[in-house]
Full PDB file with SEQRES, HELIX, SHEET, SSBOND, CRYST1, ORIGX, SCALE, CONECT and MASTER records, all heavy atoms in Angstrom:
SEQRES   1 A   44  ASP GLN PRO THR SER GLY SER VAL VAL ILE ASP GLN GLN          
SEQRES   2 A   44  GLU LEU ALA ASN LEU ASP ASP GLY ASP LEU THR GLN LEU          
SEQRES   3 A   44  ARG ARG ASP LYS VAL GLY PHE ILE PHE GLN SER PHE ASN          
SEQRES   4 A   44  LEU LEU PRO VAL LEU                                          
HELIX    1 AA1 LEU A   15  ASN A   17  5                                   3    
HELIX    2 AA2 ASP A   20  LYS A   30  1                                  11    
SHEET    1 AA1 2 VAL A   9  ILE A  10  0                                        
SHEET    2 AA1 2 GLN A  13  GLU A  14 -1                                        
CRYST1    1.000    1.000    1.000  90.00  90.00  90.00 P 1           1          
ORIGX1      1.000000  0.000000  0.000000        0.00000                         
ORIGX2      0.000000  1.000000  0.000000        0.00000                         
ORIGX3      0.000000  0.000000  1.000000        0.00000                         
SCALE1      1.000000  0.000000  0.000000        0.00000                         
SCALE2      0.000000  1.000000  0.000000        0.00000                         
SCALE3      0.000000  0.000000  1.000000        0.00000                         
ATOM      1  N   ASP A   1       4.347   6.288   9.700  1.00  0.00           N  
ATOM      2  CA  ASP A   1       4.174   7.696   9.573  1.00  0.00           C  
ATOM      3  C   ASP A   1       5.523   8.261   9.166  1.00  0.00           C  
ATOM      4  O   ASP A   1       6.556   7.645   9.217  1.00  0.00           O  
ATOM      5  CB  ASP A   1       3.718   8.285  10.936  1.00  0.00           C  
ATOM      6  CG  ASP A   1       3.303   9.750  10.866  1.00  0.00           C  
ATOM      7  OD1 ASP A   1       3.120  10.180   9.735  1.00  0.00           O  
ATOM      8  OD2 ASP A   1       3.201  10.321  12.000  1.00  0.00           O  
ATOM      9  N   GLN A   2       5.492   9.497   8.560  1.00  0.00           N  
ATOM     10  CA  GLN A   2       6.596  10.070   8.008  1.00  0.00           C  
ATOM     11  C   GLN A   2       7.044  11.226   9.004  1.00  0.00           C  
ATOM     12  O   GLN A   2       6.175  12.029   9.500  1.00  0.00           O  
ATOM     13  CB  GLN A   2       6.337  10.630   6.665  1.00  0.00           C  
ATOM     14  CG  GLN A   2       6.185   9.592   5.661  1.00  0.00           C  
ATOM     15  CD  GLN A   2       6.017  10.114   4.227  1.00  0.00           C  
ATOM     16  OE1 GLN A   2       5.723  11.247   4.084  1.00  0.00           O  
ATOM     17  NE2 GLN A   2       6.169   9.265   3.274  1.00  0.00           N  
ATOM     18  N   PRO A   3       8.280  11.390   9.278  1.00  0.00           N  
ATOM     19  CA  PRO A   3       8.750  12.586  10.125  1.00  0.00           C  
ATOM     20  C   PRO A   3       8.688  13.894   9.400  1.00  0.00           C  
ATOM     21  O   PRO A   3       8.702  13.912   8.124  1.00  0.00           O  
ATOM     22  CB  PRO A   3      10.190  12.216  10.367  1.00  0.00           C  
ATOM     23  CG  PRO A   3      10.707  11.388   9.324  1.00  0.00           C  
ATOM     24  CD  PRO A   3       9.395  10.577   8.835  1.00  0.00           C  
ATOM     25  N   THR A   4       8.553  14.910  10.173  1.00  0.00           N  
ATOM     26  CA  THR A   4       8.638  16.243   9.576  1.00  0.00           C  
ATOM     27  C   THR A   4      10.045  16.577   9.195  1.00  0.00           C  
ATOM     28  O   THR A   4      10.256  17.206   8.046  1.00  0.00           O  
ATOM     29  CB  THR A   4       8.278  17.271  10.640  1.00  0.00           C  
ATOM     30  OG1 THR A   4       6.812  17.006  11.099  1.00  0.00           O  
ATOM     31  CG2 THR A   4       8.207  18.738  10.036  1.00  0.00           C  
ATOM     32  N   SER A   5      11.019  16.013   9.923  1.00  0.00           N  
ATOM     33  CA  SER A   5      12.386  16.198   9.557  1.00  0.00           C  
ATOM     34  C   SER A   5      13.136  14.999  10.298  1.00  0.00           C  
ATOM     35  O   SER A   5      12.657  14.428  11.244  1.00  0.00           O  
ATOM     36  CB  SER A   5      13.048  17.537   9.791  1.00  0.00           C  
ATOM     37  OG  SER A   5      13.006  17.776  11.264  1.00  0.00           O  
ATOM     38  N   GLY A   6      14.440  14.807   9.871  1.00  0.00           N  
ATOM     39  CA  GLY A   6      15.186  13.762  10.470  1.00  0.00           C  
ATOM     40  C   GLY A   6      15.000  12.341   9.686  1.00  0.00           C  
ATOM     41  O   GLY A   6      14.324  12.471   8.627  1.00  0.00           O  
ATOM     42  N   SER A   7      15.690  11.353  10.121  1.00  0.00           N  
ATOM     43  CA  SER A   7      15.637  10.096   9.305  1.00  0.00           C  
ATOM     44  C   SER A   7      15.460   8.880  10.167  1.00  0.00           C  
ATOM     45  O   SER A   7      15.829   8.986  11.417  1.00  0.00           O  
ATOM     46  CB  SER A   7      16.975   9.980   8.491  1.00  0.00           C  
ATOM     47  OG  SER A   7      17.997   9.741   9.366  1.00  0.00           O  
ATOM     48  N   VAL A   8      14.948   7.831   9.599  1.00  0.00           N  
ATOM     49  CA  VAL A   8      14.840   6.588  10.261  1.00  0.00           C  
ATOM     50  C   VAL A   8      15.471   5.578   9.274  1.00  0.00           C  
ATOM     51  O   VAL A   8      15.202   5.519   8.120  1.00  0.00           O  
ATOM     52  CB  VAL A   8      13.372   6.159  10.593  1.00  0.00           C  
ATOM     53  CG1 VAL A   8      13.191   4.715  11.055  1.00  0.00           C  
ATOM     54  CG2 VAL A   8      12.641   7.195  11.462  1.00  0.00           C  
ATOM     55  N   VAL A   9      16.244   4.696   9.901  1.00  0.00           N  
ATOM     56  CA  VAL A   9      16.989   3.610   9.161  1.00  0.00           C  
ATOM     57  C   VAL A   9      16.675   2.217   9.709  1.00  0.00           C  
ATOM     58  O   VAL A   9      16.701   2.014  10.961  1.00  0.00           O  
ATOM     59  CB  VAL A   9      18.453   3.842   9.155  1.00  0.00           C  
ATOM     60  CG1 VAL A   9      19.200   2.564   8.442  1.00  0.00           C  
ATOM     61  CG2 VAL A   9      18.894   5.120   8.431  1.00  0.00           C  
ATOM     62  N   ILE A  10      16.117   1.281   8.945  1.00  0.00           N  
ATOM     63  CA  ILE A  10      15.820  -0.052   9.373  1.00  0.00           C  
ATOM     64  C   ILE A  10      16.820  -0.986   8.593  1.00  0.00           C  
ATOM     65  O   ILE A  10      16.633  -0.921   7.341  1.00  0.00           O  
ATOM     66  CB  ILE A  10      14.279  -0.483   9.156  1.00  0.00           C  
ATOM     67  CG1 ILE A  10      13.464   0.278  10.118  1.00  0.00           C  
ATOM     68  CG2 ILE A  10      14.142  -1.919   9.481  1.00  0.00           C  
ATOM     69  CD1 ILE A  10      11.986   0.032   9.907  1.00  0.00           C  
ATOM     70  N   ASP A  11      17.547  -1.775   9.240  1.00  0.00           N  
ATOM     71  CA  ASP A  11      18.352  -2.682   8.564  1.00  0.00           C  
ATOM     72  C   ASP A  11      19.161  -2.034   7.335  1.00  0.00           C  
ATOM     73  O   ASP A  11      19.164  -2.609   6.211  1.00  0.00           O  
ATOM     74  CB  ASP A  11      17.524  -3.905   7.991  1.00  0.00           C  
ATOM     75  CG  ASP A  11      18.437  -5.171   7.828  1.00  0.00           C  
ATOM     76  OD1 ASP A  11      19.546  -5.213   8.289  1.00  0.00           O  
ATOM     77  OD2 ASP A  11      17.885  -6.122   7.196  1.00  0.00           O  
ATOM     78  N   GLN A  12      19.794  -1.015   7.685  1.00  0.00           N  
ATOM     79  CA  GLN A  12      20.594  -0.305   6.708  1.00  0.00           C  
ATOM     80  C   GLN A  12      19.832   0.415   5.532  1.00  0.00           C  
ATOM     81  O   GLN A  12      20.468   0.847   4.584  1.00  0.00           O  
ATOM     82  CB  GLN A  12      21.722  -1.116   6.162  1.00  0.00           C  
ATOM     83  CG  GLN A  12      22.567  -1.662   7.263  1.00  0.00           C  
ATOM     84  CD  GLN A  12      23.709  -2.631   6.777  1.00  0.00           C  
ATOM     85  OE1 GLN A  12      24.153  -2.422   5.557  1.00  0.00           O  
ATOM     86  NE2 GLN A  12      24.265  -3.424   7.581  1.00  0.00           N  
ATOM     87  N   GLN A  13      18.571   0.589   5.628  1.00  0.00           N  
ATOM     88  CA  GLN A  13      17.824   1.206   4.607  1.00  0.00           C  
ATOM     89  C   GLN A  13      17.152   2.445   5.178  1.00  0.00           C  
ATOM     90  O   GLN A  13      16.336   2.226   6.165  1.00  0.00           O  
ATOM     91  CB  GLN A  13      16.816   0.221   3.980  1.00  0.00           C  
ATOM     92  CG  GLN A  13      17.357  -0.862   3.228  1.00  0.00           C  
ATOM     93  CD  GLN A  13      16.312  -1.661   2.514  1.00  0.00           C  
ATOM     94  OE1 GLN A  13      15.699  -1.253   1.555  1.00  0.00           O  
ATOM     95  NE2 GLN A  13      15.914  -2.929   2.909  1.00  0.00           N  
ATOM     96  N   GLU A  14      17.311   3.628   4.581  1.00  0.00           N  
ATOM     97  CA  GLU A  14      16.751   4.808   5.154  1.00  0.00           C  
ATOM     98  C   GLU A  14      15.302   4.865   4.530  1.00  0.00           C  
ATOM     99  O   GLU A  14      15.052   4.801   3.260  1.00  0.00           O  
ATOM    100  CB  GLU A  14      17.530   6.067   4.670  1.00  0.00           C  
ATOM    101  CG  GLU A  14      16.994   7.359   5.221  1.00  0.00           C  
ATOM    102  CD  GLU A  14      17.893   8.466   5.180  1.00  0.00           C  
ATOM    103  OE1 GLU A  14      19.191   8.354   5.107  1.00  0.00           O  
ATOM    104  OE2 GLU A  14      17.537   9.640   5.226  1.00  0.00           O  
ATOM    105  N   LEU A  15      14.319   4.901   5.372  1.00  0.00           N  
ATOM    106  CA  LEU A  15      13.009   4.905   4.955  1.00  0.00           C  
ATOM    107  C   LEU A  15      12.536   5.992   4.016  1.00  0.00           C  
ATOM    108  O   LEU A  15      11.822   5.754   3.090  1.00  0.00           O  
ATOM    109  CB  LEU A  15      11.924   5.029   6.153  1.00  0.00           C  
ATOM    110  CG  LEU A  15      12.180   3.836   7.201  1.00  0.00           C  
ATOM    111  CD1 LEU A  15      10.950   3.811   8.177  1.00  0.00           C  
ATOM    112  CD2 LEU A  15      12.475   2.413   6.645  1.00  0.00           C  
ATOM    113  N   ALA A  16      13.106   7.158   4.178  1.00  0.00           N  
ATOM    114  CA  ALA A  16      12.838   8.374   3.383  1.00  0.00           C  
ATOM    115  C   ALA A  16      13.192   8.089   1.765  1.00  0.00           C  
ATOM    116  O   ALA A  16      12.618   8.690   0.972  1.00  0.00           O  
ATOM    117  CB  ALA A  16      13.520   9.631   3.794  1.00  0.00           C  
ATOM    118  N   ASN A  17      14.189   7.174   1.564  1.00  0.00           N  
ATOM    119  CA  ASN A  17      14.574   6.878   0.201  1.00  0.00           C  
ATOM    120  C   ASN A  17      13.746   5.823  -0.467  1.00  0.00           C  
ATOM    121  O   ASN A  17      13.983   5.482  -1.628  1.00  0.00           O  
ATOM    122  CB  ASN A  17      16.032   6.414   0.234  1.00  0.00           C  
ATOM    123  CG  ASN A  17      16.972   7.457   0.626  1.00  0.00           C  
ATOM    124  OD1 ASN A  17      16.754   8.653   0.604  1.00  0.00           O  
ATOM    125  ND2 ASN A  17      18.145   7.101   1.195  1.00  0.00           N  
ATOM    126  N   LEU A  18      12.728   5.263   0.225  1.00  0.00           N  
ATOM    127  CA  LEU A  18      11.925   4.155  -0.415  1.00  0.00           C  
ATOM    128  C   LEU A  18      10.502   4.789  -0.927  1.00  0.00           C  
ATOM    129  O   LEU A  18      10.010   5.638  -0.251  1.00  0.00           O  
ATOM    130  CB  LEU A  18      11.651   3.145   0.776  1.00  0.00           C  
ATOM    131  CG  LEU A  18      12.832   2.531   1.404  1.00  0.00           C  
ATOM    132  CD1 LEU A  18      12.390   1.512   2.423  1.00  0.00           C  
ATOM    133  CD2 LEU A  18      13.875   1.910   0.406  1.00  0.00           C  
ATOM    134  N   ASP A  19      10.164   4.240  -1.983  1.00  0.00           N  
ATOM    135  CA  ASP A  19       8.858   4.562  -2.343  1.00  0.00           C  
ATOM    136  C   ASP A  19       7.790   3.685  -1.674  1.00  0.00           C  
ATOM    137  O   ASP A  19       8.092   2.836  -0.953  1.00  0.00           O  
ATOM    138  CB  ASP A  19       8.694   4.393  -3.962  1.00  0.00           C  
ATOM    139  CG  ASP A  19       8.857   3.017  -4.483  1.00  0.00           C  
ATOM    140  OD1 ASP A  19       8.724   2.017  -3.646  1.00  0.00           O  
ATOM    141  OD2 ASP A  19       9.215   2.792  -5.598  1.00  0.00           O  
ATOM    142  N   ASP A  20       6.543   3.964  -1.954  1.00  0.00           N  
ATOM    143  CA  ASP A  20       5.492   3.151  -1.258  1.00  0.00           C  
ATOM    144  C   ASP A  20       5.637   1.714  -1.369  1.00  0.00           C  
ATOM    145  O   ASP A  20       5.493   0.955  -0.334  1.00  0.00           O  
ATOM    146  CB  ASP A  20       4.049   3.652  -1.680  1.00  0.00           C  
ATOM    147  CG  ASP A  20       3.763   5.066  -1.172  1.00  0.00           C  
ATOM    148  OD1 ASP A  20       4.425   5.546  -0.247  1.00  0.00           O  
ATOM    149  OD2 ASP A  20       2.736   5.675  -1.671  1.00  0.00           O  
ATOM    150  N   GLY A  21       5.955   1.201  -2.493  1.00  0.00           N  
ATOM    151  CA  GLY A  21       6.049  -0.241  -2.762  1.00  0.00           C  
ATOM    152  C   GLY A  21       7.150  -0.782  -1.985  1.00  0.00           C  
ATOM    153  O   GLY A  21       7.106  -1.869  -1.346  1.00  0.00           O  
ATOM    154  N   ASP A  22       8.327  -0.168  -2.077  1.00  0.00           N  
ATOM    155  CA  ASP A  22       9.520  -0.604  -1.346  1.00  0.00           C  
ATOM    156  C   ASP A  22       9.334  -0.564   0.200  1.00  0.00           C  
ATOM    157  O   ASP A  22       9.803  -1.397   0.951  1.00  0.00           O  
ATOM    158  CB  ASP A  22      10.737   0.130  -1.706  1.00  0.00           C  
ATOM    159  CG  ASP A  22      11.162  -0.186  -3.181  1.00  0.00           C  
ATOM    160  OD1 ASP A  22      10.749  -1.120  -3.617  1.00  0.00           O  
ATOM    161  OD2 ASP A  22      11.866   0.718  -3.720  1.00  0.00           O  
ATOM    162  N   LEU A  23       8.614   0.495   0.644  1.00  0.00           N  
ATOM    163  CA  LEU A  23       8.392   0.615   2.063  1.00  0.00           C  
ATOM    164  C   LEU A  23       7.498  -0.478   2.581  1.00  0.00           C  
ATOM    165  O   LEU A  23       7.757  -1.126   3.603  1.00  0.00           O  
ATOM    166  CB  LEU A  23       7.764   2.004   2.352  1.00  0.00           C  
ATOM    167  CG  LEU A  23       7.559   2.359   3.899  1.00  0.00           C  
ATOM    168  CD1 LEU A  23       8.830   2.180   4.736  1.00  0.00           C  
ATOM    169  CD2 LEU A  23       6.907   3.677   3.994  1.00  0.00           C  
ATOM    170  N   THR A  24       6.487  -0.767   1.784  1.00  0.00           N  
ATOM    171  CA  THR A  24       5.594  -1.889   2.132  1.00  0.00           C  
ATOM    172  C   THR A  24       6.258  -3.224   2.187  1.00  0.00           C  
ATOM    173  O   THR A  24       6.115  -3.951   3.100  1.00  0.00           O  
ATOM    174  CB  THR A  24       4.440  -1.923   1.127  1.00  0.00           C  
ATOM    175  OG1 THR A  24       3.594  -0.774   1.192  1.00  0.00           O  
ATOM    176  CG2 THR A  24       3.480  -3.170   1.467  1.00  0.00           C  
ATOM    177  N   GLN A  25       7.213  -3.428   1.298  1.00  0.00           N  
ATOM    178  CA  GLN A  25       7.882  -4.647   1.239  1.00  0.00           C  
ATOM    179  C   GLN A  25       8.908  -4.751   2.453  1.00  0.00           C  
ATOM    180  O   GLN A  25       9.132  -5.753   3.137  1.00  0.00           O  
ATOM    181  CB  GLN A  25       8.676  -4.825  -0.064  1.00  0.00           C  
ATOM    182  CG  GLN A  25       9.462  -6.097  -0.233  1.00  0.00           C  
ATOM    183  CD  GLN A  25      10.154  -6.323  -1.455  1.00  0.00           C  
ATOM    184  OE1 GLN A  25       9.727  -5.726  -2.503  1.00  0.00           O  
ATOM    185  NE2 GLN A  25      11.054  -7.240  -1.566  1.00  0.00           N  
ATOM    186  N   LEU A  26       9.543  -3.677   2.808  1.00  0.00           N  
ATOM    187  CA  LEU A  26      10.449  -3.511   3.813  1.00  0.00           C  
ATOM    188  C   LEU A  26       9.785  -3.924   5.226  1.00  0.00           C  
ATOM    189  O   LEU A  26      10.135  -4.783   6.056  1.00  0.00           O  
ATOM    190  CB  LEU A  26      11.134  -2.288   3.960  1.00  0.00           C  
ATOM    191  CG  LEU A  26      12.185  -2.187   5.235  1.00  0.00           C  
ATOM    192  CD1 LEU A  26      13.549  -1.760   4.773  1.00  0.00           C  
ATOM    193  CD2 LEU A  26      11.708  -1.172   6.204  1.00  0.00           C  
ATOM    194  N   ARG A  27       8.541  -3.235   5.360  1.00  0.00           N  
ATOM    195  CA  ARG A  27       7.836  -3.538   6.540  1.00  0.00           C  
ATOM    196  C   ARG A  27       7.411  -4.993   6.580  1.00  0.00           C  
ATOM    197  O   ARG A  27       7.333  -5.618   7.749  1.00  0.00           O  
ATOM    198  CB  ARG A  27       6.619  -2.692   6.669  1.00  0.00           C  
ATOM    199  CG  ARG A  27       6.860  -1.256   6.989  1.00  0.00           C  
ATOM    200  CD  ARG A  27       5.613  -0.455   7.495  1.00  0.00           C  
ATOM    201  NE  ARG A  27       4.528  -0.542   6.568  1.00  0.00           N  
ATOM    202  CZ  ARG A  27       4.140   0.518   5.799  1.00  0.00           C  
ATOM    203  NH1 ARG A  27       4.922   1.553   5.888  1.00  0.00           N  
ATOM    204  NH2 ARG A  27       3.165   0.383   4.962  1.00  0.00           N  
ATOM    205  N   ARG A  28       6.950  -5.481   5.454  1.00  0.00           N  
ATOM    206  CA  ARG A  28       6.529  -6.906   5.522  1.00  0.00           C  
ATOM    207  C   ARG A  28       7.639  -7.898   5.771  1.00  0.00           C  
ATOM    208  O   ARG A  28       7.424  -8.921   6.434  1.00  0.00           O  
ATOM    209  CB  ARG A  28       5.926  -7.296   4.015  1.00  0.00           C  
ATOM    210  CG  ARG A  28       5.269  -8.579   3.793  1.00  0.00           C  
ATOM    211  CD  ARG A  28       4.839  -8.712   2.467  1.00  0.00           C  
ATOM    212  NE  ARG A  28       6.023  -8.791   1.523  1.00  0.00           N  
ATOM    213  CZ  ARG A  28       5.879  -8.403   0.145  1.00  0.00           C  
ATOM    214  NH1 ARG A  28       4.748  -8.046  -0.295  1.00  0.00           N  
ATOM    215  NH2 ARG A  28       6.945  -8.611  -0.608  1.00  0.00           N  
ATOM    216  N   ASP A  29       8.812  -7.572   5.312  1.00  0.00           N  
ATOM    217  CA  ASP A  29      10.046  -8.525   5.420  1.00  0.00           C  
ATOM    218  C   ASP A  29      10.759  -8.424   6.656  1.00  0.00           C  
ATOM    219  O   ASP A  29      11.389  -9.251   7.182  1.00  0.00           O  
ATOM    220  CB  ASP A  29      10.824  -8.411   4.200  1.00  0.00           C  
ATOM    221  CG  ASP A  29      10.255  -8.929   2.879  1.00  0.00           C  
ATOM    222  OD1 ASP A  29       9.165  -9.552   2.903  1.00  0.00           O  
ATOM    223  OD2 ASP A  29      10.738  -8.474   1.815  1.00  0.00           O  
ATOM    224  N   LYS A  30      10.858  -7.138   7.146  1.00  0.00           N  
ATOM    225  CA  LYS A  30      11.756  -6.789   8.140  1.00  0.00           C  
ATOM    226  C   LYS A  30      11.194  -6.491   9.549  1.00  0.00           C  
ATOM    227  O   LYS A  30      11.891  -6.319  10.624  1.00  0.00           O  
ATOM    228  CB  LYS A  30      12.699  -5.578   7.685  1.00  0.00           C  
ATOM    229  CG  LYS A  30      13.424  -5.823   6.531  1.00  0.00           C  
ATOM    230  CD  LYS A  30      14.604  -6.830   6.652  1.00  0.00           C  
ATOM    231  CE  LYS A  30      15.444  -6.860   5.384  1.00  0.00           C  
ATOM    232  NZ  LYS A  30      16.461  -7.895   5.498  1.00  0.00           N  
ATOM    233  N   VAL A  31       9.826  -6.154   9.629  1.00  0.00           N  
ATOM    234  CA  VAL A  31       9.187  -5.663  10.750  1.00  0.00           C  
ATOM    235  C   VAL A  31       8.016  -6.479  11.223  1.00  0.00           C  
ATOM    236  O   VAL A  31       7.184  -6.991  10.270  1.00  0.00           O  
ATOM    237  CB  VAL A  31       8.702  -4.176  10.398  1.00  0.00           C  
ATOM    238  CG1 VAL A  31       7.885  -3.677  11.621  1.00  0.00           C  
ATOM    239  CG2 VAL A  31       9.778  -3.310  10.052  1.00  0.00           C  
ATOM    240  N   GLY A  32       7.927  -6.713  12.452  1.00  0.00           N  
ATOM    241  CA  GLY A  32       6.669  -7.470  13.041  1.00  0.00           C  
ATOM    242  C   GLY A  32       5.993  -6.469  13.894  1.00  0.00           C  
ATOM    243  O   GLY A  32       6.690  -5.578  14.568  1.00  0.00           O  
ATOM    244  N   PHE A  33       4.760  -6.636  13.995  1.00  0.00           N  
ATOM    245  CA  PHE A  33       3.865  -5.645  14.896  1.00  0.00           C  
ATOM    246  C   PHE A  33       3.018  -6.543  15.884  1.00  0.00           C  
ATOM    247  O   PHE A  33       2.480  -7.521  15.581  1.00  0.00           O  
ATOM    248  CB  PHE A  33       2.981  -4.814  14.036  1.00  0.00           C  
ATOM    249  CG  PHE A  33       3.648  -3.908  12.979  1.00  0.00           C  
ATOM    250  CD1 PHE A  33       3.787  -4.331  11.700  1.00  0.00           C  
ATOM    251  CD2 PHE A  33       4.138  -2.670  13.461  1.00  0.00           C  
ATOM    252  CE1 PHE A  33       4.414  -3.536  10.790  1.00  0.00           C  
ATOM    253  CE2 PHE A  33       4.678  -1.865  12.438  1.00  0.00           C  
ATOM    254  CZ  PHE A  33       4.812  -2.269  11.199  1.00  0.00           C  
ATOM    255  N   ILE A  34       2.918  -5.925  17.030  1.00  0.00           N  
ATOM    256  CA  ILE A  34       2.039  -6.522  18.067  1.00  0.00           C  
ATOM    257  C   ILE A  34       1.265  -5.343  18.621  1.00  0.00           C  
ATOM    258  O   ILE A  34       1.874  -4.320  19.137  1.00  0.00           O  
ATOM    259  CB  ILE A  34       2.841  -7.142  19.346  1.00  0.00           C  
ATOM    260  CG1 ILE A  34       3.698  -8.291  18.683  1.00  0.00           C  
ATOM    261  CG2 ILE A  34       1.887  -7.854  20.204  1.00  0.00           C  
ATOM    262  CD1 ILE A  34       4.773  -8.819  19.716  1.00  0.00           C  
ATOM    263  N   PHE A  35      -0.026  -5.423  18.580  1.00  0.00           N  
ATOM    264  CA  PHE A  35      -0.828  -4.243  18.988  1.00  0.00           C  
ATOM    265  C   PHE A  35      -1.676  -4.633  20.305  1.00  0.00           C  
ATOM    266  O   PHE A  35      -1.915  -5.784  20.607  1.00  0.00           O  
ATOM    267  CB  PHE A  35      -1.845  -3.826  17.884  1.00  0.00           C  
ATOM    268  CG  PHE A  35      -1.232  -3.530  16.616  1.00  0.00           C  
ATOM    269  CD1 PHE A  35      -1.107  -4.450  15.611  1.00  0.00           C  
ATOM    270  CD2 PHE A  35      -0.750  -2.250  16.421  1.00  0.00           C  
ATOM    271  CE1 PHE A  35      -0.450  -4.140  14.406  1.00  0.00           C  
ATOM    272  CE2 PHE A  35      -0.187  -1.833  15.215  1.00  0.00           C  
ATOM    273  CZ  PHE A  35      -0.072  -2.848  14.225  1.00  0.00           C  
ATOM    274  N   GLN A  36      -2.128  -3.594  21.015  1.00  0.00           N  
ATOM    275  CA  GLN A  36      -2.771  -3.822  22.235  1.00  0.00           C  
ATOM    276  C   GLN A  36      -4.072  -4.546  21.926  1.00  0.00           C  
ATOM    277  O   GLN A  36      -4.703  -5.255  22.788  1.00  0.00           O  
ATOM    278  CB  GLN A  36      -3.112  -2.463  22.838  1.00  0.00           C  
ATOM    279  CG  GLN A  36      -3.972  -2.495  24.216  1.00  0.00           C  
ATOM    280  CD  GLN A  36      -4.024  -1.093  24.766  1.00  0.00           C  
ATOM    281  OE1 GLN A  36      -3.289  -0.222  24.445  1.00  0.00           O  
ATOM    282  NE2 GLN A  36      -4.942  -0.945  25.672  1.00  0.00           N  
ATOM    283  N   SER A  37      -4.681  -4.205  20.737  1.00  0.00           N  
ATOM    284  CA  SER A  37      -6.017  -4.871  20.479  1.00  0.00           C  
ATOM    285  C   SER A  37      -5.950  -6.123  19.704  1.00  0.00           C  
ATOM    286  O   SER A  37      -6.965  -6.517  19.018  1.00  0.00           O  
ATOM    287  CB  SER A  37      -6.785  -3.747  19.627  1.00  0.00           C  
ATOM    288  OG  SER A  37      -6.090  -3.416  18.428  1.00  0.00           O  
ATOM    289  N   PHE A  38      -4.750  -6.764  19.629  1.00  0.00           N  
ATOM    290  CA  PHE A  38      -4.483  -8.074  19.011  1.00  0.00           C  
ATOM    291  C   PHE A  38      -4.589  -8.059  17.450  1.00  0.00           C  
ATOM    292  O   PHE A  38      -3.837  -8.520  16.864  1.00  0.00           O  
ATOM    293  CB  PHE A  38      -5.574  -9.131  19.497  1.00  0.00           C  
ATOM    294  CG  PHE A  38      -5.790  -9.221  20.989  1.00  0.00           C  
ATOM    295  CD1 PHE A  38      -6.977  -9.559  21.441  1.00  0.00           C  
ATOM    296  CD2 PHE A  38      -4.733  -8.900  21.866  1.00  0.00           C  
ATOM    297  CE1 PHE A  38      -7.266  -9.662  22.865  1.00  0.00           C  
ATOM    298  CE2 PHE A  38      -5.012  -8.902  23.188  1.00  0.00           C  
ATOM    299  CZ  PHE A  38      -6.269  -9.315  23.742  1.00  0.00           C  
ATOM    300  N   ASN A  39      -5.679  -7.525  16.913  1.00  0.00           N  
ATOM    301  CA  ASN A  39      -5.810  -7.371  15.437  1.00  0.00           C  
ATOM    302  C   ASN A  39      -5.780  -8.793  14.734  1.00  0.00           C  
ATOM    303  O   ASN A  39      -5.200  -8.843  13.667  1.00  0.00           O  
ATOM    304  CB  ASN A  39      -4.726  -6.372  14.845  1.00  0.00           C  
ATOM    305  CG  ASN A  39      -5.012  -4.819  15.193  1.00  0.00           C  
ATOM    306  OD1 ASN A  39      -6.053  -4.585  15.903  1.00  0.00           O  
ATOM    307  ND2 ASN A  39      -4.239  -4.018  14.601  1.00  0.00           N  
ATOM    308  N   LEU A  40      -6.447  -9.691  15.333  1.00  0.00           N  
ATOM    309  CA  LEU A  40      -6.625 -11.002  14.653  1.00  0.00           C  
ATOM    310  C   LEU A  40      -7.837 -11.016  13.814  1.00  0.00           C  
ATOM    311  O   LEU A  40      -8.865 -10.383  14.061  1.00  0.00           O  
ATOM    312  CB  LEU A  40      -6.686 -12.076  15.654  1.00  0.00           C  
ATOM    313  CG  LEU A  40      -5.548 -12.217  16.639  1.00  0.00           C  
ATOM    314  CD1 LEU A  40      -5.787 -13.373  17.600  1.00  0.00           C  
ATOM    315  CD2 LEU A  40      -4.147 -12.367  16.075  1.00  0.00           C  
ATOM    316  N   LEU A  41      -7.751 -11.726  12.617  1.00  0.00           N  
ATOM    317  CA  LEU A  41      -8.985 -11.797  11.794  1.00  0.00           C  
ATOM    318  C   LEU A  41      -9.853 -12.935  12.408  1.00  0.00           C  
ATOM    319  O   LEU A  41      -9.402 -14.082  12.596  1.00  0.00           O  
ATOM    320  CB  LEU A  41      -8.513 -12.291  10.344  1.00  0.00           C  
ATOM    321  CG  LEU A  41      -7.707 -11.117   9.511  1.00  0.00           C  
ATOM    322  CD1 LEU A  41      -7.578 -11.574   8.130  1.00  0.00           C  
ATOM    323  CD2 LEU A  41      -8.600  -9.834   9.516  1.00  0.00           C  
ATOM    324  N   PRO A  42     -11.110 -12.519  12.600  1.00  0.00           N  
ATOM    325  CA  PRO A  42     -11.999 -13.494  13.356  1.00  0.00           C  
ATOM    326  C   PRO A  42     -12.324 -14.726  12.567  1.00  0.00           C  
ATOM    327  O   PRO A  42     -12.752 -15.639  13.199  1.00  0.00           O  
ATOM    328  CB  PRO A  42     -13.261 -12.586  13.658  1.00  0.00           C  
ATOM    329  CG  PRO A  42     -13.158 -11.513  12.567  1.00  0.00           C  
ATOM    330  CD  PRO A  42     -11.697 -11.305  12.380  1.00  0.00           C  
ATOM    331  N   VAL A  43     -12.248 -14.681  11.186  1.00  0.00           N  
ATOM    332  CA  VAL A  43     -12.616 -15.850  10.465  1.00  0.00           C  
ATOM    333  C   VAL A  43     -11.565 -16.873  10.349  1.00  0.00           C  
ATOM    334  O   VAL A  43     -11.780 -17.961   9.858  1.00  0.00           O  
ATOM    335  CB  VAL A  43     -13.247 -15.445   9.094  1.00  0.00           C  
ATOM    336  CG1 VAL A  43     -14.443 -14.543   9.157  1.00  0.00           C  
ATOM    337  CG2 VAL A  43     -12.051 -14.748   8.341  1.00  0.00           C  
ATOM    338  N   LEU A  44     -10.339 -16.566  10.752  1.00  0.00           N  
ATOM    339  CA  LEU A  44      -9.192 -17.469  10.672  1.00  0.00           C  
ATOM    340  C   LEU A  44      -8.860 -18.211  11.953  1.00  0.00           C  
ATOM    341  O   LEU A  44      -9.171 -17.524  13.015  1.00  0.00           O  
ATOM    342  CB  LEU A  44      -8.020 -16.620  10.166  1.00  0.00           C  
ATOM    343  CG  LEU A  44      -8.061 -16.014   8.811  1.00  0.00           C  
ATOM    344  CD1 LEU A  44      -6.693 -15.287   8.550  1.00  0.00           C  
ATOM    345  CD2 LEU A  44      -8.490 -16.883   7.816  1.00  0.00           C  
TER     346      LEU A  44                                                      
MASTER        0    0    0    2    2    0    0    6  345    1    0    4          
END                                                                             
């Protein structure tokens, strides 16, 4: 999600400076997620 104001930095990269593609890549490479509902694919 995007803040109304203020900034978030992950691994020295300010998220507001990233376009959608770069943000997707940063999340893919730098961030892991664990959710309450597991979110596993049932066919795998």
